[in-house]
N, C-alpha and C. Protein backbone atom coordinates (compact mmCIF):
# COMPACT_ATOMS: atom_id res chain seq x y z
N MET A 1 19.26 8.35 18.32
CA MET A 1 20.07 9.33 18.11
C MET A 1 19.39 10.34 17.77
N THR A 2 20.72 11.49 17.66
CA THR A 2 19.94 12.53 19.00
C THR A 2 20.14 12.76 16.96
N ALA A 3 19.78 14.11 16.74
CA ALA A 3 18.99 15.56 15.41
C ALA A 3 20.51 15.44 14.77
N VAL A 4 21.45 15.87 15.44
CA VAL A 4 23.33 16.21 14.33
C VAL A 4 23.43 14.76 13.99
N GLU A 5 22.99 14.08 14.80
CA GLU A 5 23.32 12.25 14.35
C GLU A 5 22.66 12.56 13.46
N ASN A 6 21.42 12.85 13.45
CA ASN A 6 20.00 11.78 12.21
C ASN A 6 20.84 12.67 11.40
N ALA A 7 21.16 13.84 11.04
CA ALA A 7 21.26 14.99 9.72
C ALA A 7 22.54 14.32 8.89
N ASN A 8 23.83 14.45 9.90
CA ASN A 8 24.96 13.19 9.46
C ASN A 8 24.62 12.11 8.80
N ALA A 9 23.58 11.14 9.27
CA ALA A 9 23.22 9.76 8.60
C ALA A 9 22.46 10.52 7.25
N ARG A 10 21.56 10.79 6.96
CA ARG A 10 20.95 11.18 5.70
C ARG A 10 21.33 10.67 4.30
N PRO A 11 20.74 9.87 3.48
CA PRO A 11 20.97 9.27 2.39
C PRO A 11 21.92 10.51 1.21
N SER A 12 22.30 10.12 0.27
CA SER A 12 23.22 10.84 -0.15
C SER A 12 22.02 11.73 -1.48
N GLY A 13 22.78 12.26 -1.83
CA GLY A 13 22.15 13.21 -3.07
C GLY A 13 21.12 12.40 -4.04
N LEU A 14 22.04 11.39 -4.33
CA LEU A 14 21.29 10.27 -5.38
C LEU A 14 21.06 9.51 -5.25
N LYS A 15 20.64 9.30 -3.58
CA LYS A 15 19.89 8.51 -2.46
C LYS A 15 18.14 9.89 -2.93
N CYS A 16 18.47 10.95 -1.81
CA CYS A 16 17.76 11.14 -2.24
C CYS A 16 16.83 11.65 -3.13
N LYS A 17 16.90 12.03 -4.82
CA LYS A 17 16.16 11.57 -5.83
C LYS A 17 15.74 9.87 -5.95
N GLU A 18 16.03 9.54 -5.42
CA GLU A 18 15.32 7.95 -5.58
C GLU A 18 14.25 8.59 -4.90
N ILE A 19 14.89 8.75 -3.20
CA ILE A 19 13.20 8.49 -2.88
C ILE A 19 11.97 9.31 -2.99
N ALA A 20 12.55 10.72 -3.80
CA ALA A 20 11.88 11.57 -4.28
C ALA A 20 10.96 11.52 -5.42
N THR A 21 11.57 10.48 -6.69
CA THR A 21 10.63 9.73 -7.42
C THR A 21 9.74 8.81 -6.51
N LEU A 22 10.33 7.55 -6.21
CA LEU A 22 9.00 6.60 -5.52
C LEU A 22 7.99 7.44 -4.53
N LEU A 23 8.18 8.76 -4.65
CA LEU A 23 7.18 9.22 -3.62
C LEU A 23 6.31 10.11 -3.83
N LEU A 24 6.89 10.77 -5.62
CA LEU A 24 6.05 10.83 -6.76
C LEU A 24 5.22 9.56 -7.24
N GLU A 25 5.99 8.03 -7.97
CA GLU A 25 5.45 7.79 -8.45
C GLU A 25 4.79 6.88 -7.44
N ASP A 26 4.96 6.62 -6.32
CA ASP A 26 4.43 5.13 -5.23
C ASP A 26 2.97 6.28 -4.55
N SER A 27 1.79 6.32 -4.88
CA SER A 27 1.14 7.24 -4.12
C SER A 27 0.46 5.95 -3.15
N MET A 28 1.12 4.82 -2.63
CA MET A 28 1.05 4.09 -1.24
C MET A 28 1.71 4.21 -0.06
N LEU A 29 2.96 4.58 -0.74
CA LEU A 29 4.40 5.17 0.86
C LEU A 29 3.46 5.91 1.53
N VAL A 30 4.12 5.22 3.05
CA VAL A 30 4.37 6.68 3.71
C VAL A 30 4.99 6.93 4.11
N VAL A 31 5.08 8.79 4.05
CA VAL A 31 5.92 9.56 4.47
C VAL A 31 6.35 9.39 5.84
N GLU A 32 6.91 8.53 7.06
CA GLU A 32 6.60 8.24 7.76
C GLU A 32 7.61 6.96 8.15
N GLN A 33 6.62 6.44 6.92
CA GLN A 33 7.85 5.00 7.15
C GLN A 33 9.00 5.06 6.15
N VAL A 34 9.31 5.88 5.12
CA VAL A 34 10.26 5.97 4.58
C VAL A 34 10.73 6.80 5.43
N ALA A 35 10.65 7.23 5.47
CA ALA A 35 11.38 8.20 7.15
C ALA A 35 11.63 7.26 8.22
N ARG A 36 11.62 6.25 8.34
CA ARG A 36 12.27 5.50 9.64
C ARG A 36 13.35 5.00 8.88
N GLU A 37 13.03 4.34 7.44
CA GLU A 37 13.96 3.08 7.06
C GLU A 37 14.87 3.76 6.01
N GLN A 38 14.66 5.97 5.73
CA GLN A 38 15.98 6.06 5.85
C GLN A 38 17.18 6.81 6.47
N GLY A 39 16.83 7.19 8.15
CA GLY A 39 17.14 7.47 9.48
C GLY A 39 17.37 8.69 9.15
N MET A 40 16.07 8.93 8.05
CA MET A 40 15.55 10.77 8.38
C MET A 40 14.71 11.15 8.90
N THR A 41 14.74 12.24 9.11
CA THR A 41 12.95 12.30 9.78
C THR A 41 11.57 13.03 8.34
N PRO A 42 10.69 12.84 8.94
CA PRO A 42 9.64 12.65 8.10
C PRO A 42 9.88 14.27 7.12
N ALA A 43 10.15 15.37 8.11
CA ALA A 43 9.96 16.49 7.65
C ALA A 43 11.26 16.82 5.97
N ASP A 44 12.26 16.12 6.17
CA ASP A 44 13.24 16.14 6.19
C ASP A 44 12.81 15.88 4.06
N VAL A 45 12.12 14.21 4.84
CA VAL A 45 11.77 13.52 3.36
C VAL A 45 10.69 14.91 2.94
N LEU A 46 9.93 15.35 3.62
CA LEU A 46 8.66 16.48 2.57
C LEU A 46 9.57 16.95 2.05
N ARG A 47 10.72 17.63 1.95
CA ARG A 47 11.56 18.09 1.98
C ARG A 47 11.85 18.09 0.49
N LEU A 48 12.12 16.62 0.41
CA LEU A 48 12.53 16.44 -0.51
C LEU A 48 11.30 16.11 -2.30
N LEU A 49 10.15 17.15 -2.03
CA LEU A 49 9.20 16.71 -2.46
C LEU A 49 8.93 17.99 -3.75
N PRO A 50 8.81 17.79 -4.97
CA PRO A 50 9.00 19.61 -5.45
C PRO A 50 8.52 21.12 -4.57
N ASP A 51 8.99 22.07 -5.21
CA ASP A 51 7.71 23.36 -4.39
C ASP A 51 5.87 23.09 -4.24
N SER A 52 6.17 22.86 -5.77
CA SER A 52 4.54 22.61 -6.27
C SER A 52 3.62 21.36 -5.86
N LEU A 53 4.51 20.76 -5.06
CA LEU A 53 3.84 19.44 -4.05
C LEU A 53 4.08 19.91 -2.64
N CYS A 54 5.67 20.71 -2.42
CA CYS A 54 4.68 20.72 -0.98
C CYS A 54 5.56 22.28 -0.51
N ARG A 55 4.83 22.89 -0.55
CA ARG A 55 5.51 24.45 0.35
C ARG A 55 5.50 24.70 2.21
N TRP A 56 6.47 25.13 2.21
CA TRP A 56 6.74 25.46 3.62
C TRP A 56 5.88 26.86 4.42
N ALA A 57 5.93 26.55 5.58
CA ALA A 57 5.26 28.28 6.24
C ALA A 57 6.36 28.03 7.42
N PRO A 58 6.47 29.35 8.70
CA PRO A 58 7.71 28.98 9.43
C PRO A 58 6.34 28.36 10.23
N GLY A 59 7.02 27.70 11.31
CA GLY A 59 5.69 27.29 12.49
C GLY A 59 5.41 28.20 13.45
N ALA A 60 6.14 29.88 13.40
CA ALA A 60 5.68 30.85 13.94
C ALA A 60 4.03 31.17 13.37
N ALA A 61 3.38 30.85 12.23
CA ALA A 61 2.67 30.84 11.47
C ALA A 61 1.45 30.02 12.10
N PHE A 62 1.80 29.13 13.99
CA PHE A 62 0.87 28.00 14.38
C PHE A 62 -0.43 28.72 14.38
N GLU A 63 -0.41 29.33 15.75
CA GLU A 63 -1.56 30.05 15.67
C GLU A 63 -2.41 30.68 14.35
N GLN A 64 -2.29 31.22 13.49
CA GLN A 64 -2.50 31.49 11.88
C GLN A 64 -3.45 30.85 11.39
N ALA A 65 -2.82 29.35 11.20
CA ALA A 65 -3.32 28.18 10.59
C ALA A 65 -4.51 27.41 11.50
N MET A 66 -3.99 27.76 12.33
CA MET A 66 -5.14 27.51 13.27
C MET A 66 -6.34 27.58 13.13
N ALA A 67 -6.79 28.91 13.05
CA ALA A 67 -7.41 30.01 13.61
C ALA A 67 -7.86 29.91 11.84
N ASP A 68 -7.36 29.62 10.69
CA ASP A 68 -8.27 30.16 9.97
C ASP A 68 -9.01 28.66 9.58
N VAL A 69 -8.06 27.03 9.63
CA VAL A 69 -8.62 25.93 9.84
C VAL A 69 -9.64 25.74 10.29
N GLY A 70 -10.24 26.73 11.38
CA GLY A 70 -11.11 26.93 12.36
C GLY A 70 -12.70 26.50 11.38
N ALA A 71 -12.03 28.00 10.28
CA ALA A 71 -13.66 28.12 10.07
C ALA A 71 -13.25 27.46 8.79
N TRP A 72 -12.93 26.09 8.74
CA TRP A 72 -13.19 25.02 7.38
C TRP A 72 -14.18 24.19 7.56
N GLY A 73 -14.96 23.67 8.54
CA GLY A 73 -16.19 23.09 8.65
C GLY A 73 -15.39 21.92 9.14
N ASP A 74 -15.62 20.87 8.95
CA ASP A 74 -15.28 19.19 9.57
C ASP A 74 -13.57 18.82 7.99
N VAL A 75 -12.85 18.76 8.88
CA VAL A 75 -11.83 18.67 8.11
C VAL A 75 -10.96 17.62 8.85
N LEU A 76 -9.78 16.25 8.45
CA LEU A 76 -9.49 14.92 9.34
C LEU A 76 -8.27 15.44 9.65
N PHE A 77 -8.14 15.85 11.37
CA PHE A 77 -6.89 16.03 12.16
C PHE A 77 -6.21 14.53 12.20
N LEU A 78 -5.44 14.39 11.58
CA LEU A 78 -4.47 12.93 12.57
C LEU A 78 -3.36 13.18 13.10
N VAL A 79 -2.81 12.11 13.37
CA VAL A 79 -1.28 12.00 14.26
C VAL A 79 -1.22 10.56 14.05
N HIS A 80 0.52 11.43 13.99
CA HIS A 80 1.15 9.96 13.36
C HIS A 80 2.38 9.13 14.34
N THR A 81 2.42 8.56 15.16
CA THR A 81 3.66 7.99 15.88
C THR A 81 3.59 6.55 15.35
N VAL A 82 5.07 5.97 16.08
CA VAL A 82 5.24 4.59 15.61
C VAL A 82 4.80 3.30 15.72
N ASN A 83 3.17 3.65 17.41
CA ASN A 83 2.41 3.03 17.56
C ASN A 83 0.35 3.40 17.47
N ALA A 84 0.56 3.93 16.62
CA ALA A 84 -0.46 3.71 16.14
C ALA A 84 -0.97 5.57 15.22
N ILE A 85 -2.46 5.40 13.89
CA ILE A 85 -2.64 6.81 13.71
C ILE A 85 -3.72 7.11 13.63
N VAL A 86 -4.37 7.81 14.33
CA VAL A 86 -5.88 8.83 15.44
C VAL A 86 -5.99 9.44 14.45
N GLU A 87 -7.27 9.60 13.66
CA GLU A 87 -7.77 10.26 12.92
C GLU A 87 -9.09 10.36 13.45
N VAL A 88 -10.12 11.74 14.07
CA VAL A 88 -10.76 12.68 14.22
C VAL A 88 -11.07 13.08 12.44
N LYS A 89 -12.57 13.56 12.55
CA LYS A 89 -12.63 13.87 11.37
C LYS A 89 -13.72 14.72 12.27
N ALA A 90 -13.15 16.09 12.90
CA ALA A 90 -14.27 17.24 12.81
C ALA A 90 -13.43 18.94 12.94
N THR A 91 -14.58 19.79 13.46
CA THR A 91 -14.19 21.34 12.26
C THR A 91 -13.22 21.40 13.79
N ILE A 92 -11.63 22.12 13.83
CA ILE A 92 -11.07 22.00 14.26
C ILE A 92 -11.73 23.65 15.24
N PRO A 93 -11.81 23.41 16.50
CA PRO A 93 -11.74 24.38 17.74
C PRO A 93 -11.28 25.66 17.75
N PRO A 94 -11.55 27.14 18.40
CA PRO A 94 -10.63 27.16 18.83
C PRO A 94 -9.51 26.93 20.05
N GLY A 95 -8.56 27.81 20.34
CA GLY A 95 -8.00 27.59 21.12
C GLY A 95 -6.29 28.88 20.74
N ARG A 96 -6.51 29.04 22.32
CA ARG A 96 -5.33 30.32 22.86
C ARG A 96 -4.16 29.64 23.35
N ARG A 97 -3.31 29.95 23.81
CA ARG A 97 -2.18 30.22 24.31
C ARG A 97 -2.64 30.23 26.49
N GLY A 98 -2.03 29.14 26.68
CA GLY A 98 -2.21 29.35 28.29
C GLY A 98 -0.68 28.27 29.04
N GLN A 99 -0.79 28.31 30.04
CA GLN A 99 -0.53 26.76 30.79
C GLN A 99 1.70 26.40 29.88
N GLY A 100 1.40 26.69 29.18
CA GLY A 100 3.13 25.87 28.06
C GLY A 100 2.20 25.46 26.84
N PHE A 101 1.29 25.72 26.37
CA PHE A 101 0.55 25.21 25.66
C PHE A 101 -0.49 26.00 24.79
N PHE A 102 -1.02 25.03 23.37
CA PHE A 102 -2.00 26.38 21.99
C PHE A 102 -3.27 24.82 22.88
N ASN A 103 -4.33 25.86 23.85
CA ASN A 103 -4.82 24.94 24.15
C ASN A 103 -6.12 24.75 23.18
N LEU A 104 -7.04 23.80 23.13
CA LEU A 104 -8.26 23.34 21.45
C LEU A 104 -9.04 23.69 22.42
N HIS A 105 -10.05 24.70 22.61
CA HIS A 105 -11.34 24.26 23.49
C HIS A 105 -12.75 24.66 22.70
N GLY A 106 -13.68 23.69 22.98
CA GLY A 106 -14.86 23.59 22.10
C GLY A 106 -15.94 22.67 22.66
N HIS A 107 -17.10 21.77 22.27
CA HIS A 107 -17.92 21.58 22.08
C HIS A 107 -17.63 19.67 21.52
N GLY A 108 -17.22 19.94 19.88
CA GLY A 108 -16.80 18.45 19.53
C GLY A 108 -15.94 17.67 19.87
N PRO A 109 -15.91 16.61 19.16
CA PRO A 109 -15.17 16.06 19.28
C PRO A 109 -13.12 15.32 19.22
N LEU A 110 -12.70 17.12 19.43
CA LEU A 110 -11.10 16.96 19.59
C LEU A 110 -11.33 18.32 19.99
N GLY A 111 -10.09 18.01 20.96
CA GLY A 111 -9.07 19.20 22.44
C GLY A 111 -8.52 18.78 22.55
N GLY A 112 -8.07 19.87 23.14
CA GLY A 112 -6.25 18.87 23.27
C GLY A 112 -5.58 20.14 23.45
N HIS A 113 -4.35 19.81 24.29
CA HIS A 113 -3.33 20.93 24.27
C HIS A 113 -2.37 20.51 23.31
N ILE A 114 -1.75 21.24 22.38
CA ILE A 114 -0.07 21.11 21.31
C ILE A 114 0.72 22.11 21.93
N ALA A 115 1.67 21.62 21.76
CA ALA A 115 2.68 22.16 22.36
C ALA A 115 3.47 23.26 21.17
N ALA A 116 2.72 24.57 20.86
CA ALA A 116 2.53 24.97 19.93
C ALA A 116 4.21 25.29 19.80
N SER A 117 4.71 25.96 21.20
CA SER A 117 6.54 26.11 21.27
C SER A 117 6.96 25.73 20.28
N ARG A 118 7.09 24.48 19.64
CA ARG A 118 7.94 22.89 19.32
C ARG A 118 7.88 23.15 17.72
N CYS A 119 6.54 23.96 17.12
CA CYS A 119 6.76 23.83 16.34
C CYS A 119 7.33 24.78 15.30
N ALA A 120 8.24 23.90 14.66
CA ALA A 120 9.81 24.58 13.71
C ALA A 120 8.74 24.91 12.09
N ASP A 121 8.18 24.32 11.43
CA ASP A 121 7.41 24.22 10.36
C ASP A 121 6.16 24.14 10.62
N ILE A 122 5.85 24.16 8.68
CA ILE A 122 4.20 24.06 8.39
C ILE A 122 4.10 24.01 7.15
N ALA A 123 3.98 22.06 6.61
CA ALA A 123 4.04 22.15 5.49
C ALA A 123 2.49 21.79 4.89
N PHE A 124 2.66 22.15 3.78
CA PHE A 124 1.72 22.46 3.40
C PHE A 124 1.52 21.44 1.39
N VAL A 125 1.13 20.47 2.02
CA VAL A 125 1.14 19.24 0.79
C VAL A 125 0.43 18.70 -0.27
N ARG A 126 0.56 18.52 -1.74
CA ARG A 126 -0.08 18.02 -2.71
C ARG A 126 0.26 16.70 -2.56
N ARG A 127 0.01 16.14 -2.12
CA ARG A 127 0.83 14.20 -2.77
C ARG A 127 -0.90 13.66 -2.92
N PRO A 128 -0.38 12.73 -4.29
CA PRO A 128 -1.73 11.55 -3.62
C PRO A 128 -1.97 10.66 -3.27
N PHE A 129 -2.27 10.15 -2.27
CA PHE A 129 -2.18 8.85 -1.42
C PHE A 129 -2.96 7.71 -0.77
N MET A 130 -2.52 6.36 -1.82
CA MET A 130 -3.68 5.34 -1.54
C MET A 130 -5.02 5.74 -3.32
N ARG A 131 -3.42 6.27 -3.76
CA ARG A 131 -4.58 7.27 -5.50
C ARG A 131 -5.59 7.79 -4.75
N ALA A 132 -5.72 8.67 -4.38
CA ALA A 132 -6.42 9.94 -4.22
C ALA A 132 -5.70 11.45 -4.16
N GLU A 133 -6.73 12.27 -4.75
CA GLU A 133 -5.95 13.02 -3.79
C GLU A 133 -6.20 13.56 -2.87
N THR A 134 -4.85 13.67 -1.99
CA THR A 134 -4.78 14.57 -0.47
C THR A 134 -4.54 15.79 -0.84
N ARG A 135 -4.54 16.85 0.07
CA ARG A 135 -4.03 17.97 0.56
C ARG A 135 -3.77 17.91 2.27
N SER A 136 -2.69 18.40 2.61
CA SER A 136 -2.61 18.20 3.97
C SER A 136 -1.60 19.32 4.25
N ILE A 137 -2.03 19.77 5.86
CA ILE A 137 -1.14 21.28 6.37
C ILE A 137 -0.86 20.25 7.48
N GLN A 138 0.54 19.78 7.33
CA GLN A 138 1.97 18.83 8.10
C GLN A 138 2.68 19.94 9.41
N PHE A 139 2.14 19.51 10.16
CA PHE A 139 2.79 20.66 11.03
C PHE A 139 4.33 19.84 11.93
N PHE A 140 5.39 20.02 11.56
CA PHE A 140 6.34 19.67 12.36
C PHE A 140 7.12 20.35 13.70
N ASP A 141 7.47 19.42 14.40
CA ASP A 141 8.58 20.03 15.68
C ASP A 141 10.58 20.55 14.89
N VAL A 142 10.36 21.18 15.88
CA VAL A 142 11.95 21.17 16.09
C VAL A 142 13.19 20.29 15.49
N ASP A 143 12.08 18.73 16.26
CA ASP A 143 13.44 17.76 15.96
C ASP A 143 12.48 17.64 14.29
N GLY A 144 11.82 17.99 13.48
CA GLY A 144 11.46 18.00 12.41
C GLY A 144 11.14 16.07 11.99
N GLN A 145 10.42 16.25 13.94
CA GLN A 145 8.96 14.68 13.68
C GLN A 145 7.91 15.45 13.42
N GLY A 146 7.32 15.26 12.63
CA GLY A 146 5.94 15.27 12.93
C GLY A 146 4.62 15.33 13.88
N MET A 147 3.70 16.83 14.61
CA MET A 147 3.50 16.71 15.35
C MET A 147 2.01 16.52 15.35
N PHE A 148 1.84 16.60 14.21
CA PHE A 148 -0.03 16.82 13.84
C PHE A 148 -0.32 16.92 11.94
N LYS A 149 -1.57 16.22 11.22
CA LYS A 149 -1.84 16.54 10.54
C LYS A 149 -3.22 16.80 10.28
N ILE A 150 -3.57 18.03 9.46
CA ILE A 150 -5.28 18.38 9.35
C ILE A 150 -4.60 18.14 7.09
N PHE A 151 -6.06 17.49 6.92
CA PHE A 151 -6.33 17.06 5.48
C PHE A 151 -8.20 17.98 5.59
N VAL A 152 -8.02 18.19 3.86
CA VAL A 152 -9.00 18.51 3.75
C VAL A 152 -9.79 17.76 3.95
N GLY A 153 -10.79 18.31 3.96
CA GLY A 153 -11.94 17.29 3.86
C GLY A 153 -12.88 16.56 3.00
N ARG A 154 -13.56 15.12 2.31
CA ARG A 154 -14.02 15.29 1.58
C ARG A 154 -15.69 14.64 1.82
N ASP A 155 -16.47 15.11 0.72
CA ASP A 155 -17.91 15.07 0.61
C ASP A 155 -18.30 13.56 0.57
N ALA A 156 -19.99 13.74 0.21
CA ALA A 156 -20.34 12.30 -0.13
C ALA A 156 -19.66 11.53 -1.10
N GLU A 157 -19.05 11.62 -2.16
CA GLU A 157 -18.54 10.56 -3.62
C GLU A 157 -17.20 10.77 -2.76
N ARG A 158 -16.67 10.75 -2.17
CA ARG A 158 -14.89 11.08 -1.82
C ARG A 158 -14.57 12.06 -2.06
N ARG A 159 -14.78 13.48 -2.70
CA ARG A 159 -14.09 14.09 -3.64
C ARG A 159 -13.67 14.95 -2.67
N LEU A 160 -12.16 16.03 -2.58
CA LEU A 160 -11.81 16.73 -2.08
C LEU A 160 -13.42 18.38 -2.21
N ILE A 161 -13.59 18.62 -0.07
CA ILE A 161 -13.95 19.30 -1.30
C ILE A 161 -13.84 20.63 -2.00
N HIS A 162 -14.94 21.44 -2.49
CA HIS A 162 -13.68 22.31 -3.52
C HIS A 162 -13.55 23.36 -2.36
N ASP A 163 -14.62 24.36 -1.44
CA ASP A 163 -14.20 25.03 -0.11
C ASP A 163 -13.12 25.00 -0.22
N GLN A 164 -13.11 23.66 0.77
CA GLN A 164 -11.81 23.77 1.46
C GLN A 164 -10.23 24.00 0.94
N MET A 165 -10.58 23.63 -0.19
CA MET A 165 -9.30 23.25 -1.65
C MET A 165 -8.70 24.84 -1.00
N LEU A 166 -9.63 25.80 -1.62
CA LEU A 166 -9.94 27.47 -1.85
C LEU A 166 -9.18 27.47 -1.08
N ARG A 167 -9.59 27.75 0.40
CA ARG A 167 -9.17 28.05 1.57
C ARG A 167 -7.42 27.34 1.55
N PHE A 168 -7.57 26.17 1.62
CA PHE A 168 -6.16 25.80 1.92
C PHE A 168 -4.74 26.52 0.43
N ASP A 169 -5.33 26.89 -0.15
CA ASP A 169 -4.59 27.42 -0.96
C ASP A 169 -4.38 28.58 -0.76
N ALA A 170 -5.44 29.75 -0.83
CA ALA A 170 -5.53 30.67 0.10
C ALA A 170 -4.59 31.14 1.55
N LEU A 171 -4.57 30.31 1.91
CA LEU A 171 -4.13 29.99 3.64
C LEU A 171 -2.33 29.96 3.06
N GLU A 172 -2.06 29.03 2.42
CA GLU A 172 -0.51 28.25 1.44
C GLU A 172 -0.48 30.03 1.62
N ALA A 173 -1.02 30.76 0.18
CA ALA A 173 -0.82 31.33 -0.03
C ALA A 173 0.09 32.85 0.52
N ARG A 174 -1.15 32.85 1.56
CA ARG A 174 -0.97 34.55 3.37
C ARG A 174 0.57 33.94 3.67
N LEU A 175 0.72 31.97 4.49
CA LEU A 175 1.53 32.08 4.88
C LEU A 175 3.37 31.49 4.67
N CYS A 176 3.17 30.88 3.47
CA CYS A 176 4.33 30.45 2.47
C CYS A 176 5.36 31.35 1.39
N PRO A 177 6.32 31.59 2.54
CA PRO A 177 7.76 33.00 2.20
C PRO A 177 7.21 32.52 0.08
N GLY A 178 7.83 33.38 -0.97
CA GLY A 178 7.25 32.57 -1.75
C GLY A 178 6.21 32.32 -2.89
N ALA A 179 5.10 31.24 -2.47
CA ALA A 179 3.73 31.29 -2.46
C ALA A 179 3.15 31.80 -3.16
N ALA A 180 2.69 31.61 -4.70
CA ALA A 180 2.11 32.41 -5.65
C ALA A 180 0.81 32.85 -5.23
């Protein structure tokens, strides 16, 4: 299905309200699964959430976001595809553009090459998941598909790390137009 066909296949306004209500009431729902079932993209699904739970920054802020998060300490880096959900707990290493990619360079477990030029939108999401408070920065490509997510880390008692929550809020305020 092309992006245009997908846009034309989106649920009606009433259905969108129902999906938004489900996302708010059921913390076990996985955004990517809802998107597949409804013929939407994950970005479209998150856009149904109120601003208090999801704010948007332009993809052009990619390098700023990555550099900032690199100073937070260990976070959860997650890639979600139809075939796998891969999680790495690590500090985001420094990166730079080269040969068409944003290349992560470091000595830790996380490294690789990201097609940052395809990043169209960055979502700052506050959504309970599996009955736990979460905060994540989700990067979406030009087709509305998830590139990867970065979750605020947790302490030994499984609480969100306070300093990272403050940094999340500050980055959101800096990058999202109209953020408080």
